PDB file of N, CA and C in Angstrom:
ATOM      1  N   MET A   1       0.552  -1.028   0.021  1.00  0.00           N
ATOM      2  CA  MET A   1       0.135  -0.172  -0.208  1.00  0.00           C
ATOM      3  C   MET A   1       0.540   1.098  -0.094  1.00  0.00           C
ATOM      4  N   SER A   2       2.052   1.165   0.601  1.00  0.00           N
ATOM      5  CA  SER A   2       2.867   3.056   0.768  1.00  0.00           C
ATOM      6  C   SER A   2       3.418   2.797  -1.057  1.00  0.00           C
ATOM      7  N   SER A   3       3.686   1.864  -1.048  1.00  0.00           N
ATOM      8  CA  SER A   3       4.208   1.664  -2.566  1.00  0.00           C
ATOM      9  C   SER A   3       3.527   2.740  -3.570  1.00  0.00           C
ATOM     10  N   LEU A   4       2.240   2.384  -3.411  1.00  0.00           N
ATOM     11  CA  LEU A   4       1.006   3.154  -3.949  1.00  0.00           C
ATOM     12  C   LEU A   4       0.897   4.524  -3.726  1.00  0.00           C
ATOM     13  N   VAL A   5       0.922   4.977  -2.430  1.00  0.00           N
ATOM     14  CA  VAL A   5       1.132   6.273  -2.358  1.00  0.00           C
ATOM     15  C   VAL A   5       2.112   6.953  -2.821  1.00  0.00           C
ATOM     16  N   ALA A   6       3.264   6.392  -3.017  1.00  0.00           N
ATOM     17  CA  ALA A   6       4.844   6.570  -3.164  1.00  0.00           C
ATOM     18  C   ALA A   6       4.572   7.296  -4.414  1.00  0.00           C
ATOM     19  N   GLU A   7       4.177   6.070  -5.081  1.00  0.00           N
ATOM     20  CA  GLU A   7       3.964   5.984  -6.936  1.00  0.00           C
ATOM     21  C   GLU A   7       2.906   7.469  -7.409  1.00  0.00           C
ATOM     22  N   GLY A   8       1.729   7.746  -6.369  1.00  0.00           N
ATOM     23  CA  GLY A   8       0.553   8.722  -6.762  1.00  0.00           C
ATOM     24  C   GLY A   8       1.561  10.142  -6.338  1.00  0.00           C
ATOM     25  N   LEU A   9       2.503  10.116  -5.352  1.00  0.00           N
ATOM     26  CA  LEU A   9       2.834  11.286  -4.988  1.00  0.00           C
ATOM     27  C   LEU A   9       3.836  11.420  -6.564  1.00  0.00           C
ATOM     28  N   LEU A  10       4.628  10.394  -6.598  1.00  0.00           N
ATOM     29  CA  LEU A  10       5.322  11.080  -7.897  1.00  0.00           C
ATOM     30  C   LEU A  10       4.727  11.235  -9.003  1.00  0.00           C
ATOM     31  N   ILE A  11       3.848  10.842  -9.296  1.00  0.00           N
ATOM     32  CA  ILE A  11       3.140  11.385 -10.439  1.00  0.00           C
ATOM     33  C   ILE A  11       2.090  12.826  -9.877  1.00  0.00           C
ATOM     34  N   LEU A  12       1.958  13.054  -9.002  1.00  0.00           N
ATOM     35  CA  LEU A  12       1.636  14.217  -8.421  1.00  0.00           C
ATOM     36  C   LEU A  12       3.099  15.366  -8.965  1.00  0.00           C
ATOM     37  N   ALA A  13       4.169  14.983  -8.761  1.00  0.00           N
ATOM     38  CA  ALA A  13       5.141  15.951  -8.497  1.00  0.00           C
ATOM     39  C   ALA A  13       5.379  15.774  -9.741  1.00  0.00           C
ATOM     40  N   ALA A  14       5.234  14.411 -10.772  1.00  0.00           N
ATOM     41  CA  ALA A  14       5.415  15.272 -12.484  1.00  0.00           C
ATOM     42  C   ALA A  14       4.363  16.030 -12.643  1.00  0.00           C
ATOM     43  N   VAL A  15       3.222  15.695 -12.157  1.00  0.00           N
ATOM     44  CA  VAL A  15       1.779  16.974 -13.129  1.00  0.00           C
ATOM     45  C   VAL A  15       2.650  18.549 -12.480  1.00  0.00           C
ATOM     46  N   LEU A  16       2.737  18.620 -11.618  1.00  0.00           N
ATOM     47  CA  LEU A  16       2.765  20.006 -10.527  1.00  0.00           C
ATOM     48  C   LEU A  16       3.980  20.365 -11.275  1.00  0.00           C
ATOM     49  N   GLY A  17       5.150  19.678 -11.515  1.00  0.00           N
ATOM     50  CA  GLY A  17       5.787  20.044 -12.118  1.00  0.00           C
ATOM     51  C   GLY A  17       6.316  20.674 -13.407  1.00  0.00           C
ATOM     52  N   TRP A  18       5.638  19.931 -14.094  1.00  0.00           N
ATOM     53  CA  TRP A  18       4.794  20.013 -15.492  1.00  0.00           C
ATOM     54  C   TRP A  18       4.019  21.798 -15.807  1.00  0.00           C
ATOM     55  N   ARG A  19       3.268  21.880 -14.520  1.00  0.00           N
ATOM     56  CA  ARG A  19       2.210  22.989 -14.226  1.00  0.00           C
ATOM     57  C   ARG A  19       3.653  24.156 -13.730  1.00  0.00           C
ATOM     58  N   ALA A  20       4.771  23.850 -13.299  1.00  0.00           N
ATOM     59  CA  ALA A  20       5.219  24.724 -13.229  1.00  0.00           C
ATOM     60  C   ALA A  20       6.473  25.669 -13.862  1.00  0.00           C
ATOM     61  N   ILE A  21       6.840  24.337 -15.209  1.00  0.00           N
ATOM     62  CA  ILE A  21       7.520  24.527 -16.108  1.00  0.00           C
ATOM     63  C   ILE A  21       6.009  25.349 -16.591  1.00  0.00           C
ATOM     64  N   ARG A  22       5.264  25.125 -17.432  1.00  0.00           N
ATOM     65  CA  ARG A  22       4.010  26.104 -18.035  1.00  0.00           C
ATOM     66  C   ARG A  22       3.883  27.103 -17.478  1.00  0.00           C
ATOM     67  N   HIS A  23       3.789  27.569 -15.920  1.00  0.00           N
ATOM     68  CA  HIS A  23       4.581  28.633 -15.544  1.00  0.00           C
ATOM     69  C   HIS A  23       4.840  29.408 -15.723  1.00  0.00           C
ATOM     70  N   PHE A  24       5.994  29.304 -15.744  1.00  0.00           N
ATOM     71  CA  PHE A  24       7.388  29.838 -16.254  1.00  0.00           C
ATOM     72  C   PHE A  24       7.713  30.230 -17.304  1.00  0.00           C
ATOM     73  N   ASP A  25       6.958  29.822 -18.431  1.00  0.00           N
ATOM     74  CA  ASP A  25       7.120  29.969 -19.421  1.00  0.00           C
ATOM     75  C   ASP A  25       6.235  30.808 -20.070  1.00  0.00           C
ATOM     76  N   ASN A  26       4.959  30.397 -19.539  1.00  0.00           N
ATOM     77  CA  ASN A  26       4.193  31.917 -19.610  1.00  0.00           C
ATOM     78  C   ASN A  26       4.446  33.271 -19.405  1.00  0.00           C
ATOM     79  N   ALA A  27       5.221  33.482 -18.045  1.00  0.00           N
ATOM     80  CA  ALA A  27       5.563  34.292 -16.999  1.00  0.00           C
ATOM     81  C   ALA A  27       6.629  34.838 -18.238  1.00  0.00           C
ATOM     82  N   PHE A  28       7.763  34.412 -18.539  1.00  0.00           N
ATOM     83  CA  PHE A  28       8.658  34.332 -19.352  1.00  0.00           C
ATOM     84  C   PHE A  28       8.584  35.460 -20.377  1.00  0.00           C
ATOM     85  N   ARG A  29       7.840  34.436 -21.285  1.00  0.00           N
ATOM     86  CA  ARG A  29       6.918  35.328 -22.359  1.00  0.00           C
ATOM     87  C   ARG A  29       6.749  36.536 -22.825  1.00  0.00           C
ATOM     88  N   HIS A  30       5.799  36.867 -21.748  1.00  0.00           N
ATOM     89  CA  HIS A  30       5.019  37.849 -21.857  1.00  0.00           C
ATOM     90  C   HIS A  30       5.022  38.413 -20.274  1.00  0.00           C
ATOM     91  N   SER A  31       6.731  38.620 -20.257  1.00  0.00           N
ATOM     92  CA  SER A  31       7.295  39.414 -19.249  1.00  0.00           C
ATOM     93  C   SER A  31       6.341  41.036 -19.194  1.00  0.00           C
ATOM     94  N   GLY A  32       6.119  41.517 -19.674  1.00  0.00           N
ATOM     95  CA  GLY A  32       5.670  42.953 -19.480  1.00  0.00           C
ATOM     96  C   GLY A  32       4.125  42.828 -19.336  1.00  0.00           C
ATOM     97  N   ASP A  33       3.214  42.064 -19.486  1.00  0.00           N
ATOM     98  CA  ASP A  33       1.890  42.132 -19.027  1.00  0.00           C
ATOM     99  C   ASP A  33       1.746  42.281 -17.564  1.00  0.00           C
ATOM    100  N   GLU A  34       0.494  42.276 -17.433  1.00  0.00           N
ATOM    101  CA  GLU A  34       0.489  43.062 -15.408  1.00  0.00           C
ATOM    102  C   GLU A  34       0.030  41.311 -15.058  1.00  0.00           C
ATOM    103  N   GLY A  35      -0.221  40.642 -15.518  1.00  0.00           N
ATOM    104  CA  GLY A  35      -0.186  39.251 -14.620  1.00  0.00           C
ATOM    105  C   GLY A  35       0.831  38.626 -14.572  1.00  0.00           C
ATOM    106  N   SER A  36       2.274  38.586 -15.206  1.00  0.00           N
ATOM    107  CA  SER A  36       3.217  38.259 -15.149  1.00  0.00           C
ATOM    108  C   SER A  36       4.216  37.635 -13.549  1.00  0.00           C
ATOM    109  N   SER A  37       4.284  38.599 -13.356  1.00  0.00           N
ATOM    110  CA  SER A  37       4.420  37.900 -11.826  1.00  0.00           C
ATOM    111  C   SER A  37       3.591  37.336 -10.899  1.00  0.00           C
ATOM    112  N   GLU A  38       2.525  37.092 -11.304  1.00  0.00           N
ATOM    113  CA  GLU A  38       1.343  35.961 -10.291  1.00  0.00           C
ATOM    114  C   GLU A  38       1.862  35.047 -10.750  1.00  0.00           C
ATOM    115  N   ARG A  39       1.904  35.114 -12.732  1.00  0.00           N
ATOM    116  CA  ARG A  39       2.257  33.789 -13.251  1.00  0.00           C
ATOM    117  C   ARG A  39       3.402  33.104 -12.528  1.00  0.00           C
ATOM    118  N   LEU A  40       4.398  33.919 -12.077  1.00  0.00           N
ATOM    119  CA  LEU A  40       5.576  33.471 -11.813  1.00  0.00           C
ATOM    120  C   LEU A  40       5.622  32.521 -10.587  1.00  0.00           C
ATOM    121  N   ILE A  41       4.944  33.229  -9.304  1.00  0.00           N
ATOM    122  CA  ILE A  41       4.755  32.872  -8.167  1.00  0.00           C
ATOM    123  C   ILE A  41       4.160  31.715  -8.047  1.00  0.00           C
ATOM    124  N   ARG A  42       3.103  31.374  -8.678  1.00  0.00           N
ATOM    125  CA  ARG A  42       2.272  30.186  -8.912  1.00  0.00           C
ATOM    126  C   ARG A  42       3.045  29.459 -10.051  1.00  0.00           C
ATOM    127  N   GLY A  43       3.975  30.199 -10.382  1.00  0.00           N
ATOM    128  CA  GLY A  43       5.166  28.699 -10.584  1.00  0.00           C
ATOM    129  C   GLY A  43       5.570  28.038  -9.428  1.00  0.00           C
ATOM    130  N   ILE A  44       6.236  28.889  -8.825  1.00  0.00           N
ATOM    131  CA  ILE A  44       7.026  28.772  -7.321  1.00  0.00           C
ATOM    132  C   ILE A  44       6.965  27.781  -6.441  1.00  0.00           C
ATOM    133  N   ARG A  45       4.809  28.284  -6.950  1.00  0.00           N
ATOM    134  CA  ARG A  45       4.481  27.657  -5.875  1.00  0.00           C
ATOM    135  C   ARG A  45       4.499  25.917  -6.336  1.00  0.00           C
ATOM    136  N   ALA A  46       4.319  25.999  -7.573  1.00  0.00           N
ATOM    137  CA  ALA A  46       3.545  24.450  -8.371  1.00  0.00           C
ATOM    138  C   ALA A  46       5.128  23.946  -7.669  1.00  0.00           C
ATOM    139  N   LEU A  47       6.416  24.332  -8.428  1.00  0.00           N
ATOM    140  CA  LEU A  47       8.051  23.501  -7.860  1.00  0.00           C
ATOM    141  C   LEU A  47       7.795  23.216  -6.573  1.00  0.00           C
ATOM    142  N   ILE A  48       7.425  23.797  -5.673  1.00  0.00           N
ATOM    143  CA  ILE A  48       7.583  23.774  -4.295  1.00  0.00           C
ATOM    144  C   ILE A  48       6.732  22.499  -3.582  1.00  0.00           C
ATOM    145  N   ALA A  49       5.908  22.547  -4.277  1.00  0.00           N
ATOM    146  CA  ALA A  49       4.246  21.390  -3.897  1.00  0.00           C
ATOM    147  C   ALA A  49       5.028  19.577  -4.725  1.00  0.00           C
ATOM    148  N   ALA A  50       5.914  20.501  -5.690  1.00  0.00           N
ATOM    149  CA  ALA A  50       6.281  18.862  -6.589  1.00  0.00           C
ATOM    150  C   ALA A  50       7.798  18.182  -5.849  1.00  0.00           C
ATOM    151  N   SER A  51       8.410  19.622  -5.402  1.00  0.00           N
ATOM    152  CA  SER A  51       9.589  18.911  -4.477  1.00  0.00           C
ATOM    153  C   SER A  51       9.196  17.994  -3.358  1.00  0.00           C
ATOM    154  N   ALA A  52       8.177  18.825  -2.684  1.00  0.00           N
ATOM    155  CA  ALA A  52       7.446  18.788  -1.559  1.00  0.00           C
ATOM    156  C   ALA A  52       6.648  16.993  -1.612  1.00  0.00           C
ATOM    157  N   CYS A  53       6.048  16.358  -3.063  1.00  0.00           N
ATOM    158  CA  CYS A  53       5.496  15.407  -2.989  1.00  0.00           C
ATOM    159  C   CYS A  53       6.953  14.396  -2.883  1.00  0.00           C
ATOM    160  N   ILE A  54       7.444  14.751  -3.728  1.00  0.00           N
ATOM    161  CA  ILE A  54       9.198  13.793  -4.021  1.00  0.00           C
ATOM    162  C   ILE A  54       9.717  13.440  -2.557  1.00  0.00           C
ATOM    163  N   ALA A  55       9.672  14.700  -1.650  1.00  0.00           N
ATOM    164  CA  ALA A  55      10.505  14.381  -0.267  1.00  0.00           C
ATOM    165  C   ALA A  55       9.852  13.379   0.621  1.00  0.00           C
ATOM    166  N   PHE A  56       7.951  14.063   0.255  1.00  0.00           N
ATOM    167  CA  PHE A  56       7.158  12.602   1.338  1.00  0.00           C
ATOM    168  C   PHE A  56       6.845  11.172   0.452  1.00  0.00           C
ATOM    169  N   ALA A  57       7.535  11.622  -0.602  1.00  0.00           N
ATOM    170  CA  ALA A  57       7.324   9.737  -1.177  1.00  0.00           C
ATOM    171  C   ALA A  57       8.656   9.112  -0.803  1.00  0.00           C
ATOM    172  N   LEU A  58       9.792   9.262  -0.990  1.00  0.00           N
ATOM    173  CA  LEU A  58      10.809   9.318  -0.393  1.00  0.00           C
ATOM    174  C   LEU A  58      11.051   8.790   0.951  1.00  0.00           C
ATOM    175  N   GLY A  59      10.132   9.898   2.067  1.00  0.00           N
ATOM    176  CA  GLY A  59       9.967   9.441   2.837  1.00  0.00           C
ATOM    177  C   GLY A  59       9.123   8.109   3.665  1.00  0.00           C
ATOM    178  N   ILE A  60       8.335   8.072   2.683  1.00  0.00           N
ATOM    179  CA  ILE A  60       7.213   7.005   2.444  1.00  0.00           C
ATOM    180  C   ILE A  60       8.428   5.469   2.170  1.00  0.00           C
ATOM    181  N   ILE A  61       9.020   5.878   0.931  1.00  0.00           N
ATOM    182  CA  ILE A  61       9.697   4.271   0.600  1.00  0.00           C
ATOM    183  C   ILE A  61      10.617   4.175   1.882  1.00  0.00           C
ATOM    184  N   TYR A  62      11.131   5.018   2.076  1.00  0.00           N
ATOM    185  CA  TYR A  62      12.509   4.370   3.234  1.00  0.00           C
ATOM    186  C   TYR A  62      11.670   4.377   4.559  1.00  0.00           C
ATOM    187  N   GLY A  63      10.499   5.129   5.219  1.00  0.00           N
ATOM    188  CA  GLY A  63      10.010   4.957   5.669  1.00  0.00           C
ATOM    189  C   GLY A  63      10.572   6.033   7.367  1.00  0.00           C
ATOM    190  N   SER A  64      11.319   7.193   6.676  1.00  0.00           N
ATOM    191  CA  SER A  64      11.567   8.503   7.343  1.00  0.00           C
ATOM    192  C   SER A  64      10.540   9.214   7.660  1.00  0.00           C
ATOM    193  N   ARG A  65      10.362   9.479   9.196  1.00  0.00           N
ATOM    194  CA  ARG A  65       9.343   9.881   9.335  1.00  0.00           C
ATOM    195  C   ARG A  65      10.414  10.966   9.519  1.00  0.00           C
ATOM    196  N   ALA A  66      11.216  12.069   9.849  1.00  0.00           N
ATOM    197  CA  ALA A  66      11.796  12.980  10.080  1.00  0.00           C
ATOM    198  C   ALA A  66      12.094  13.540   8.850  1.00  0.00           C
ATOM    199  N   THR A  67      12.018  12.880   7.382  1.00  0.00           N
ATOM    200  CA  THR A  67      11.583  13.449   5.985  1.00  0.00           C
ATOM    201  C   THR A  67      10.873  13.863   6.077  1.00  0.00           C
ATOM    202  N   ILE A  68       9.641  12.951   6.004  1.00  0.00           N
ATOM    203  CA  ILE A  68       8.342  13.257   6.165  1.00  0.00           C
ATOM    204  C   ILE A  68       7.515  14.627   6.819  1.00  0.00           C
ATOM    205  N   ILE A  69       8.569  15.001   7.807  1.00  0.00           N
ATOM    206  CA  ILE A  69       7.669  16.156   9.047  1.00  0.00           C
ATOM    207  C   ILE A  69       8.688  16.982   8.683  1.00  0.00           C
ATOM    208  N   ILE A  70       9.548  16.860   8.350  1.00  0.00           N
ATOM    209  CA  ILE A  70      10.757  18.156   7.009  1.00  0.00           C
ATOM    210  C   ILE A  70      10.064  18.484   6.087  1.00  0.00           C
ATOM    211  N   ALA A  71       9.232  17.995   5.478  1.00  0.00           N
ATOM    212  CA  ALA A  71       9.145  18.376   4.142  1.00  0.00           C
ATOM    213  C   ALA A  71       7.581  18.737   3.899  1.00  0.00           C
ATOM    214  N   ALA A  72       6.948  18.368   5.069  1.00  0.00           N
ATOM    215  CA  ALA A  72       5.653  19.106   5.437  1.00  0.00           C
ATOM    216  C   ALA A  72       6.183  20.518   5.656  1.00  0.00           C
ATOM    217  N   VAL A  73       7.402  20.522   7.073  1.00  0.00           N
ATOM    218  CA  VAL A  73       7.314  22.181   7.428  1.00  0.00           C
ATOM    219  C   VAL A  73       7.917  22.963   6.125  1.00  0.00           C
ATOM    220  N   ILE A  74       8.566  22.737   5.873  1.00  0.00           N
ATOM    221  CA  ILE A  74       9.097  23.060   4.601  1.00  0.00           C
ATOM    222  C   ILE A  74       7.871  23.821   3.691  1.00  0.00           C
ATOM    223  N   LEU A  75       7.296  22.531   3.102  1.00  0.00           N
ATOM    224  CA  LEU A  75       6.125  23.173   2.120  1.00  0.00           C
ATOM    225  C   LEU A  75       4.872  24.419   3.191  1.00  0.00           C
ATOM    226  N   GLY A  76       5.064  23.744   4.124  1.00  0.00           N
ATOM    227  CA  GLY A  76       3.483  25.229   4.673  1.00  0.00           C
ATOM    228  C   GLY A  76       4.569  26.169   4.639  1.00  0.00           C
ATOM    229  N   GLU A  77       5.569  26.705   5.139  1.00  0.00           N
ATOM    230  CA  GLU A  77       6.295  27.711   5.448  1.00  0.00           C
ATOM    231  C   GLU A  77       6.490  28.163   3.933  1.00  0.00           C
ATOM    232  N   GLU A  78       7.182  27.511   2.646  1.00  0.00           N
ATOM    233  CA  GLU A  78       6.844  28.150   1.546  1.00  0.00           C
ATOM    234  C   GLU A  78       5.063  28.590   1.045  1.00  0.00           C
ATOM    235  N   LEU A  79       4.683  27.977   1.264  1.00  0.00           N
ATOM    236  CA  LEU A  79       3.047  28.226   0.355  1.00  0.00           C
ATOM    237  C   LEU A  79       2.247  29.759   1.315  1.00  0.00           C
ATOM    238  N   TYR A  80       3.200  29.603   2.867  1.00  0.00           N
ATOM    239  CA  TYR A  80       2.767  30.728   2.822  1.00  0.00           C
ATOM    240  C   TYR A  80       3.482  32.124   3.068  1.00  0.00           C
ATOM    241  N   GLU A  81       4.871  31.526   2.711  1.00  0.00           N
ATOM    242  CA  GLU A  81       5.471  33.230   1.576  1.00  0.00           C
ATOM    243  C   GLU A  81       5.118  33.591   0.433  1.00  0.00           C
ATOM    244  N   THR A  82       4.773  32.865  -0.163  1.00  0.00           N
ATOM    245  CA  THR A  82       4.353  32.559  -1.699  1.00  0.00           C
ATOM    246  C   THR A  82       2.814  33.155  -1.541  1.00  0.00           C
ATOM    247  N   GLY A  83       2.525  33.510  -0.792  1.00  0.00           N
ATOM    248  CA  GLY A  83       0.788  33.082  -0.425  1.00  0.00           C
ATOM    249  C   GLY A  83       0.971  35.113   0.142  1.00  0.00           C
ATOM    250  N   VAL A  84       1.413  35.560   0.651  1.00  0.00           N
ATOM    251  CA  VAL A  84       1.284  36.275   1.439  1.00  0.00           C
ATOM    252  C   VAL A  84       2.629  37.648   0.163  1.00  0.00           C
ATOM    253  N   VAL A  85       2.818  37.030  -0.717  1.00  0.00           N
ATOM    254  CA  VAL A  85       3.693  38.064  -1.685  1.00  0.00           C
ATOM    255  C   VAL A  85       2.616  37.720  -2.859  1.00  0.00           C
ATOM    256  N   LEU A  86       1.566  36.645  -3.013  1.00  0.00           N
ATOM    257  CA  LEU A  86       0.470  36.992  -4.117  1.00  0.00           C
ATOM    258  C   LEU A  86      -0.403  37.961  -3.506  1.00  0.00           C
ATOM    259  N   LEU A  87      -0.582  37.767  -2.158  1.00  0.00           N
ATOM    260  CA  LEU A  87      -1.180  39.305  -1.475  1.00  0.00           C
ATOM    261  C   LEU A  87      -0.717  40.127  -2.096  1.00  0.00           C
ATOM    262  N   ALA A  88       0.242  40.529  -1.709  1.00  0.00           N
ATOM    263  CA  ALA A  88       1.025  42.152  -1.952  1.00  0.00           C
ATOM    264  C   ALA A  88       0.550  42.962  -3.287  1.00  0.00           C
ATOM    265  N   LEU A  89       1.060  41.386  -4.346  1.00  0.00           N
ATOM    266  CA  LEU A  89       0.922  41.484  -5.399  1.00  0.00           C
ATOM    267  C   LEU A  89      -0.405  41.836  -6.065  1.00  0.00           C
ATOM    268  N   ARG A  90      -1.412  41.038  -5.674  1.00  0.00           N
ATOM    269  CA  ARG A  90      -2.857  41.755  -5.979  1.00  0.00           C
ATOM    270  C   ARG A  90      -3.626  42.643  -5.163  1.00  0.00           C
ATOM    271  N   ARG A  91      -2.721  43.419  -4.531  1.00  0.00           N
ATOM    272  CA  ARG A  91      -2.950  44.465  -3.745  1.00  0.00           C
ATOM    273  C   ARG A  91      -3.583  45.796  -4.318  1.00  0.00           C
ATOM    274  N   LYS A  92      -4.301  46.612  -4.270  1.00  0.00           N
ATOM    275  CA  LYS A  92      -3.981  47.429  -5.115  1.00  0.00           C
ATOM    276  C   LYS A  92      -3.267  48.256  -4.524  1.00  0.00           C
ATOM    277  N   PRO A  93      -3.001  49.903  -5.073  1.00  0.00           N
ATOM    278  CA  PRO A  93      -2.003  50.546  -5.112  1.00  0.00           C
ATOM    279  C   PRO A  93      -2.508  51.564  -3.822  1.00  0.00           C
ATOM    280  N   ASP A  94      -3.844  51.962  -3.541  1.00  0.00           N
ATOM    281  CA  ASP A  94      -4.508  52.652  -2.596  1.00  0.00           C
ATOM    282  C   ASP A  94      -4.964  52.205  -1.751  1.00  0.00           C
ATOM    283  N   GLU A  95      -5.153  50.484  -1.329  1.00  0.00           N
ATOM    284  CA  GLU A  95      -5.386  49.884  -0.213  1.00  0.00           C
ATOM    285  C   GLU A  95      -3.774  49.671   1.015  1.00  0.00           C
ATOM    286  N   ARG A  96      -4.560  49.455   1.978  1.00  0.00           N
ATOM    287  CA  ARG A  96      -3.693  49.287   2.595  1.00  0.00           C
ATOM    288  C   ARG A  96      -4.148  47.684   3.384  1.00  0.00           C
ATOM    289  N   LEU A  97      -2.909  47.484   3.914  1.00  0.00           N
ATOM    290  CA  LEU A  97      -2.720  45.606   4.252  1.00  0.00           C
ATOM    291  C   LEU A  97      -3.512  45.468   5.674  1.00  0.00           C
TER     292      LEU A  97
END
């Protein structure tokens, strides 16, 4: 059962990695557009999630609880940080936080 979960996580990591590449490509191709910064941050978030899925899968395969816990903490912290950056990017200049 654990190998099935690990394989699912690796497939999810591949999908998220592909999504990250698509977001990076769109952000860099249309760098002058208004939403390019948001696309870049979304690409970074997808890349972080893909890396965390790989770390979770490795933790499951090798039976390492520490790897799973560290991956969960890093994933949560990075998603929080990029969420704050997205909030700041979406804020209108006349609004206050």
